[in-house]
C-alpha atoms as a PDB file:
ATOM      1  CA  UNK A   1       7.039  71.146 130.549  1.00  0.00           C
ATOM      2  CA  UNK A   2       6.443  74.903 130.181  1.00  0.00           C
ATOM      3  CA  UNK A   3       5.625  75.118 133.935  1.00  0.00           C
ATOM      4  CA  UNK A   4       8.875  73.379 134.769  1.00  0.00           C
ATOM      5  CA  UNK A   5      10.799  75.749 132.464  1.00  0.00           C
ATOM      6  CA  UNK A   6       9.065  78.689 134.043  1.00  0.00           C
ATOM      7  CA  UNK A   7      10.092  77.526 137.537  1.00  0.00           C
ATOM      8  CA  UNK A   8      13.639  77.032 136.340  1.00  0.00           C
ATOM      9  CA  UNK A   9      13.821  80.533 134.894  1.00  0.00           C
ATOM     10  CA  UNK A  10      12.403  82.073 138.094  1.00  0.00           C
ATOM     11  CA  UNK A  11      14.849  80.110 140.168  1.00  0.00           C
ATOM     12  CA  UNK A  12      17.744  81.307 137.956  1.00  0.00           C
ATOM     13  CA  UNK A  13      16.522  84.904 138.226  1.00  0.00           C
ATOM     14  CA  UNK A  14      16.280  84.591 142.053  1.00  0.00           C
ATOM     15  CA  UNK A  15      19.965  83.267 142.168  1.00  0.00           C
ATOM     16  CA  UNK A  16      21.143  86.154 139.969  1.00  0.00           C
ATOM     17  CA  UNK A  17      19.439  88.681 142.245  1.00  0.00           C
ATOM     18  CA  UNK A  18      20.987  87.080 145.355  1.00  0.00           C
ATOM     19  CA  UNK A  19      24.456  87.020 143.729  1.00  0.00           C
ATOM     20  CA  UNK A  20      24.212  90.644 142.557  1.00  0.00           C
ATOM     21  CA  UNK A  21      23.101  91.773 146.013  1.00  0.00           C
ATOM     22  CA  UNK A  22      25.793  89.711 147.794  1.00  0.00           C
ATOM     23  CA  UNK A  23      28.465  91.103 145.459  1.00  0.00           C
ATOM     24  CA  UNK A  24      27.652  94.670 146.453  1.00  0.00           C
ATOM     25  CA  UNK A  25      27.374  93.882 150.175  1.00  0.00           C
ATOM     26  CA  UNK A  26      30.564  91.812 150.395  1.00  0.00           C
ATOM     27  CA  UNK A  27      32.561  94.507 148.442  1.00  0.00           C
ATOM     28  CA  UNK A  28      31.364  97.281 150.830  1.00  0.00           C
ATOM     29  CA  UNK A  29      30.967  95.531 154.171  1.00  0.00           C
ATOM     30  CA  UNK A  30      33.368  92.605 153.963  1.00  0.00           C
ATOM     31  CA  UNK A  31      32.769  88.994 154.771  1.00  0.00           C
ATOM     32  CA  UNK A  32      32.081  89.162 158.475  1.00  0.00           C
ATOM     33  CA  UNK A  33      30.095  92.383 158.022  1.00  0.00           C
ATOM     34  CA  UNK A  34      27.637  90.780 155.623  1.00  0.00           C
ATOM     35  CA  UNK A  35      24.662  88.621 156.862  1.00  0.00           C
ATOM     36  CA  UNK A  36      22.277  86.421 154.911  1.00  0.00           C
ATOM     37  CA  UNK A  37      19.412  88.605 156.143  1.00  0.00           C
ATOM     38  CA  UNK A  38      20.977  91.671 154.572  1.00  0.00           C
ATOM     39  CA  UNK A  39      21.638  89.821 151.332  1.00  0.00           C
ATOM     40  CA  UNK A  40      18.063  88.579 151.362  1.00  0.00           C
ATOM     41  CA  UNK A  41      16.671  92.133 151.974  1.00  0.00           C
ATOM     42  CA  UNK A  42      18.851  93.602 149.223  1.00  0.00           C
ATOM     43  CA  UNK A  43      17.746  90.798 146.757  1.00  0.00           C
ATOM     44  CA  UNK A  44      14.088  91.073 147.706  1.00  0.00           C
ATOM     45  CA  UNK A  45      13.747  87.482 148.934  1.00  0.00           C
ATOM     46  CA  UNK A  46      13.609  85.740 152.314  1.00  0.00           C
ATOM     47  CA  UNK A  47      16.656  84.662 154.317  1.00  0.00           C
ATOM     48  CA  UNK A  48      15.553  80.940 154.009  1.00  0.00           C
ATOM     49  CA  UNK A  49      15.578  81.366 150.203  1.00  0.00           C
ATOM     50  CA  UNK A  50      19.235  82.432 150.338  1.00  0.00           C
ATOM     51  CA  UNK A  51      20.048  79.435 152.504  1.00  0.00           C
ATOM     52  CA  UNK A  52      18.138  77.138 150.213  1.00  0.00           C
ATOM     53  CA  UNK A  53      20.212  78.167 147.197  1.00  0.00           C
ATOM     54  CA  UNK A  54      23.606  78.498 148.869  1.00  0.00           C
ATOM     55  CA  UNK A  55      23.580  76.836 152.264  1.00  0.00           C
ATOM     56  CA  UNK A  56      26.317  78.949 153.870  1.00  0.00           C
ATOM     57  CA  UNK A  57      27.873  82.331 153.532  1.00  0.00           C
ATOM     58  CA  UNK A  58      31.197  80.806 152.403  1.00  0.00           C
ATOM     59  CA  UNK A  59      29.393  79.021 149.507  1.00  0.00           C
ATOM     60  CA  UNK A  60      27.612  82.162 148.600  1.00  0.00           C
ATOM     61  CA  UNK A  61      30.858  84.102 148.432  1.00  0.00           C
ATOM     62  CA  UNK A  62      32.411  81.327 146.395  1.00  0.00           C
ATOM     63  CA  UNK A  63      29.601  81.623 143.862  1.00  0.00           C
ATOM     64  CA  UNK A  64      29.964  85.417 143.807  1.00  0.00           C
ATOM     65  CA  UNK A  65      33.624  85.001 142.973  1.00  0.00           C
ATOM     66  CA  UNK A  66      32.889  82.402 140.253  1.00  0.00           C
ATOM     67  CA  UNK A  67      30.244  84.647 138.588  1.00  0.00           C
ATOM     68  CA  UNK A  68      32.503  87.721 138.807  1.00  0.00           C
ATOM     69  CA  UNK A  69      35.385  85.764 137.276  1.00  0.00           C
ATOM     70  CA  UNK A  70      33.486  84.858 134.012  1.00  0.00           C
ATOM     71  CA  UNK A  71      30.784  87.538 134.012  1.00  0.00           C
ATOM     72  CA  UNK A  72      27.704  85.245 134.190  1.00  0.00           C
ATOM     73  CA  UNK A  73      26.458  82.078 135.791  1.00  0.00           C
ATOM     74  CA  UNK A  74      26.676  79.884 132.713  1.00  0.00           C
ATOM     75  CA  UNK A  75      28.507  76.550 133.348  1.00  0.00           C
ATOM     76  CA  UNK A  76      31.321  77.416 130.842  1.00  0.00           C
ATOM     77  CA  UNK A  77      34.828  77.588 132.306  1.00  0.00           C
ATOM     78  CA  UNK A  78      36.879  80.711 131.711  1.00  0.00           C
ATOM     79  CA  UNK A  79      39.327  79.087 129.266  1.00  0.00           C
ATOM     80  CA  UNK A  80      36.528  77.589 127.309  1.00  0.00           C
ATOM     81  CA  UNK A  81      35.079  80.997 126.487  1.00  0.00           C
ATOM     82  CA  UNK A  82      35.046  82.171 122.837  1.00  0.00           C
ATOM     83  CA  UNK A  83      37.505  84.963 123.439  1.00  0.00           C
ATOM     84  CA  UNK A  84      40.127  82.606 124.719  1.00  0.00           C
ATOM     85  CA  UNK A  85      39.515  80.253 121.816  1.00  0.00           C
ATOM     86  CA  UNK A  86      40.283  83.210 119.575  1.00  0.00           C
ATOM     87  CA  UNK A  87      43.425  84.020 121.532  1.00  0.00           C
ATOM     88  CA  UNK A  88      44.711  80.489 121.017  1.00  0.00           C
ATOM     89  CA  UNK A  89      44.602  80.932 117.342  1.00  0.00           C
ATOM     90  CA  UNK A  90      46.438  84.276 117.145  1.00  0.00           C
ATOM     91  CA  UNK A  91      49.806  84.039 115.559  1.00  0.00           C
ATOM     92  CA  UNK A  92      51.357  87.341 116.671  1.00  0.00           C
ATOM     93  CA  UNK A  93      52.747  87.263 120.276  1.00  0.00           C
ATOM     94  CA  UNK A  94      52.050  91.041 120.690  1.00  0.00           C
ATOM     95  CA  UNK A  95      48.425  90.404 119.791  1.00  0.00           C
ATOM     96  CA  UNK A  96      48.217  87.535 122.256  1.00  0.00           C
ATOM     97  CA  UNK A  97      49.579  89.796 125.075  1.00  0.00           C
ATOM     98  CA  UNK A  98      47.238  92.640 124.208  1.00  0.00           C
ATOM     99  CA  UNK A  99      44.164  90.353 124.115  1.00  0.00           C
ATOM    100  CA  UNK A 100      45.124  88.627 127.379  1.00  0.00           C
ATOM    101  CA  UNK A 101      45.768  91.934 129.219  1.00  0.00           C
ATOM    102  CA  UNK A 102      42.496  93.403 127.927  1.00  0.00           C
ATOM    103  CA  UNK A 103      40.310  90.401 128.993  1.00  0.00           C
ATOM    104  CA  UNK A 104      42.224  90.188 132.292  1.00  0.00           C
ATOM    105  CA  UNK A 105      41.327  93.876 132.939  1.00  0.00           C
ATOM    106  CA  UNK A 106      37.707  93.246 132.251  1.00  0.00           C
ATOM    107  CA  UNK A 107      37.689  90.279 134.702  1.00  0.00           C
ATOM    108  CA  UNK A 108      39.769  92.113 137.332  1.00  0.00           C
ATOM    109  CA  UNK A 109      37.449  95.067 137.288  1.00  0.00           C
ATOM    110  CA  UNK A 110      34.670  92.722 138.363  1.00  0.00           C
ATOM    111  CA  UNK A 111      36.430  90.265 140.563  1.00  0.00           C
ATOM    112  CA  UNK A 112      39.434  92.037 142.273  1.00  0.00           C
ATOM    113  CA  UNK A 113      37.286  93.776 144.922  1.00  0.00           C
ATOM    114  CA  UNK A 114      35.632  90.507 145.829  1.00  0.00           C
ATOM    115  CA  UNK A 115      38.938  88.546 145.936  1.00  0.00           C
ATOM    116  CA  UNK A 116      40.171  91.253 148.382  1.00  0.00           C
ATOM    117  CA  UNK A 117      37.245  90.230 150.621  1.00  0.00           C
ATOM    118  CA  UNK A 118      38.288  86.581 150.442  1.00  0.00           C
ATOM    119  CA  UNK A 119      41.938  87.461 151.115  1.00  0.00           C
ATOM    120  CA  UNK A 120      41.115  89.546 154.160  1.00  0.00           C
ATOM    121  CA  UNK A 121      38.828  86.886 155.611  1.00  0.00           C
ATOM    122  CA  UNK A 122      41.286  84.004 155.011  1.00  0.00           C
ATOM    123  CA  UNK A 123      43.395  84.809 158.054  1.00  0.00           C
ATOM    124  CA  UNK A 124      40.595  84.033 160.459  1.00  0.00           C
ATOM    125  CA  UNK A 125      38.303  81.601 158.611  1.00  0.00           C
ATOM    126  CA  UNK A 126      39.365  78.118 157.394  1.00  0.00           C
ATOM    127  CA  UNK A 127      36.720  78.177 154.629  1.00  0.00           C
ATOM    128  CA  UNK A 128      37.926  81.504 153.279  1.00  0.00           C
ATOM    129  CA  UNK A 129      41.598  80.266 153.579  1.00  0.00           C
ATOM    130  CA  UNK A 130      40.625  77.301 151.369  1.00  0.00           C
ATOM    131  CA  UNK A 131      38.804  79.593 149.040  1.00  0.00           C
ATOM    132  CA  UNK A 132      41.792  81.913 148.695  1.00  0.00           C
ATOM    133  CA  UNK A 133      44.127  79.079 147.977  1.00  0.00           C
ATOM    134  CA  UNK A 134      41.728  77.725 145.307  1.00  0.00           C
ATOM    135  CA  UNK A 135      41.338  81.097 143.702  1.00  0.00           C
ATOM    136  CA  UNK A 136      45.109  81.651 143.672  1.00  0.00           C
ATOM    137  CA  UNK A 137      45.597  78.247 142.046  1.00  0.00           C
ATOM    138  CA  UNK A 138      42.973  78.999 139.386  1.00  0.00           C
ATOM    139  CA  UNK A 139      44.673  82.345 138.567  1.00  0.00           C
ATOM    140  CA  UNK A 140      48.018  80.588 138.152  1.00  0.00           C
ATOM    141  CA  UNK A 141      46.460  77.924 135.903  1.00  0.00           C
ATOM    142  CA  UNK A 142      44.840  80.586 133.740  1.00  0.00           C
ATOM    143  CA  UNK A 143      47.992  82.617 133.367  1.00  0.00           C
ATOM    144  CA  UNK A 144      50.024  79.468 132.799  1.00  0.00           C
ATOM    145  CA  UNK A 145      47.761  78.571 129.888  1.00  0.00           C
ATOM    146  CA  UNK A 146      48.366  82.024 128.452  1.00  0.00           C
ATOM    147  CA  UNK A 147      52.108  81.432 128.758  1.00  0.00           C
ATOM    148  CA  UNK A 148      51.666  78.069 127.018  1.00  0.00           C
ATOM    149  CA  UNK A 149      50.174  79.870 124.062  1.00  0.00           C
ATOM    150  CA  UNK A 150      53.180  82.137 123.834  1.00  0.00           C
ATOM    151  CA  UNK A 151      55.545  79.243 124.228  1.00  0.00           C
ATOM    152  CA  UNK A 152      53.759  77.461 121.365  1.00  0.00           C
ATOM    153  CA  UNK A 153      54.606  80.443 119.217  1.00  0.00           C
ATOM    154  CA  UNK A 154      58.251  80.169 120.421  1.00  0.00           C
ATOM    155  CA  UNK A 155      57.794  83.743 121.642  1.00  0.00           C
ATOM    156  CA  UNK A 156      59.326  83.627 125.168  1.00  0.00           C
ATOM    157  CA  UNK A 157      62.657  85.361 125.677  1.00  0.00           C
ATOM    158  CA  UNK A 158      65.687  83.047 125.689  1.00  0.00           C
ATOM    159  CA  UNK A 159      66.332  81.366 128.992  1.00  0.00           C
ATOM    160  CA  UNK A 160      62.885  82.236 130.430  1.00  0.00           C
ATOM    161  CA  UNK A 161      61.113  79.061 131.567  1.00  0.00           C
ATOM    162  CA  UNK A 162      57.345  78.729 131.390  1.00  0.00           C
ATOM    163  CA  UNK A 163      57.145  78.679 135.225  1.00  0.00           C
ATOM    164  CA  UNK A 164      59.132  81.874 135.535  1.00  0.00           C
ATOM    165  CA  UNK A 165      56.997  83.513 132.774  1.00  0.00           C
ATOM    166  CA  UNK A 166      53.846  82.435 134.648  1.00  0.00           C
ATOM    167  CA  UNK A 167      55.344  84.062 137.781  1.00  0.00           C
ATOM    168  CA  UNK A 168      55.869  87.348 135.969  1.00  0.00           C
ATOM    169  CA  UNK A 169      52.351  87.237 134.568  1.00  0.00           C
ATOM    170  CA  UNK A 170      50.694  86.363 137.918  1.00  0.00           C
ATOM    171  CA  UNK A 171      52.554  89.281 139.563  1.00  0.00           C
ATOM    172  CA  UNK A 172      51.872  91.911 136.921  1.00  0.00           C
ATOM    173  CA  UNK A 173      48.211  91.014 136.566  1.00  0.00           C
ATOM    174  CA  UNK A 174      47.514  90.394 140.174  1.00  0.00           C
ATOM    175  CA  UNK A 175      44.234  91.691 141.673  1.00  0.00           C
ATOM    176  CA  UNK A 176      46.089  93.438 144.432  1.00  0.00           C
ATOM    177  CA  UNK A 177      48.257  95.433 141.997  1.00  0.00           C
ATOM    178  CA  UNK A 178      45.220  96.098 139.762  1.00  0.00           C
ATOM    179  CA  UNK A 179      43.371  97.657 142.770  1.00  0.00           C
ATOM    180  CA  UNK A 180      46.350  99.755 143.807  1.00  0.00           C
ATOM    181  CA  UNK A 181      46.703 101.296 140.378  1.00  0.00           C
ATOM    182  CA  UNK A 182      43.018 101.663 139.376  1.00  0.00           C
ATOM    183  CA  UNK A 183      41.586 102.475 142.799  1.00  0.00           C
ATOM    184  CA  UNK A 184      44.297 103.989 144.956  1.00  0.00           C
ATOM    185  CA  UNK A 185      46.152 105.721 142.094  1.00  0.00           C
ATOM    186  CA  UNK A 186      42.978 106.427 140.084  1.00  0.00           C
ATOM    187  CA  UNK A 187      44.372 105.069 136.857  1.00  0.00           C
ATOM    188  CA  UNK A 188      41.881 104.677 134.037  1.00  0.00           C
ATOM    189  CA  UNK A 189      41.410 101.220 132.629  1.00  0.00           C
ATOM    190  CA  UNK A 190      43.120 102.340 129.372  1.00  0.00           C
ATOM    191  CA  UNK A 191      46.174 103.616 131.304  1.00  0.00           C
ATOM    192  CA  UNK A 192      46.401 100.340 133.319  1.00  0.00           C
ATOM    193  CA  UNK A 193      46.023  98.233 130.155  1.00  0.00           C
ATOM    194  CA  UNK A 194      48.771 100.149 128.324  1.00  0.00           C
ATOM    195  CA  UNK A 195      51.123  99.824 131.323  1.00  0.00           C
ATOM    196  CA  UNK A 196      50.407  96.053 131.751  1.00  0.00           C
ATOM    197  CA  UNK A 197      50.958  95.326 128.070  1.00  0.00           C
ATOM    198  CA  UNK A 198      54.234  97.229 128.033  1.00  0.00           C
ATOM    199  CA  UNK A 199      55.592  95.585 131.168  1.00  0.00           C
ATOM    200  CA  UNK A 200      54.357  92.086 130.233  1.00  0.00           C
ATOM    201  CA  UNK A 201      55.865  92.292 126.792  1.00  0.00           C
ATOM    202  CA  UNK A 202      59.137  93.495 128.344  1.00  0.00           C
ATOM    203  CA  UNK A 203      59.089  90.621 130.811  1.00  0.00           C
ATOM    204  CA  UNK A 204      58.198  87.789 128.458  1.00  0.00           C
ATOM    205  CA  UNK A 205      59.279  88.561 124.875  1.00  0.00           C
ATOM    206  CA  UNK A 206      62.814  88.786 123.494  1.00  0.00           C
ATOM    207  CA  UNK A 207      64.301  92.273 123.388  1.00  0.00           C
ATOM    208  CA  UNK A 208      63.893  93.826 119.967  1.00  0.00           C
ATOM    209  CA  UNK A 209      67.207  93.993 117.987  1.00  0.00           C
ATOM    210  CA  UNK A 210      69.145  97.175 118.514  1.00  0.00           C
ATOM    211  CA  UNK A 211      69.266  99.232 115.282  1.00  0.00           C
ATOM    212  CA  UNK A 212      72.712 100.449 114.301  1.00  0.00           C
ATOM    213  CA  UNK A 213      73.295 104.069 114.740  1.00  0.00           C
ATOM    214  CA  UNK A 214      72.952 106.199 111.620  1.00  0.00           C
ATOM    215  CA  UNK A 215      76.377 107.390 110.531  1.00  0.00           C
END
């Protein structure tokens, strides 16, 4: 049994090295510019080993996206993670938004550059087009669940449907906009987070009551 466990651990370590190497190469060279041999060389394994674990470059990139989305290769979905369980129990809508934006920023910092690779490859590759569509649907599902938490607190502004609230959230916390602000505009994560919290709260929550002017 210990020998089997040892083999399993080594296999997991090999997969992690492959994914880490592939992440860096995809982010810098793109999808078409990255080969299995280059991934193998960077990971310190043979090309057949990469093929054995992932079978195709599209499957390898899919796994890179999945790992970047949650931060590890454990089989626990994003919305089943402890931080989201804690978010579900928050009673203050402002706290819910701050937590969602913070965790979204942590995730986007890892995954946005890789999602850009998928997006760019989607125009000329059916596998990548399907991957992009799936990733887009997953993002909408996640943001929709966040909106459902706010709706459960009766916190959405009057007249704002859950669908429209999800549209606002998907747009403000999009990978593309995140990259524009944090890479092109050189915003710090703290600045992006403050901006995103302010705009998301303005877009989703009721306007605060106007205080009467002091006579």
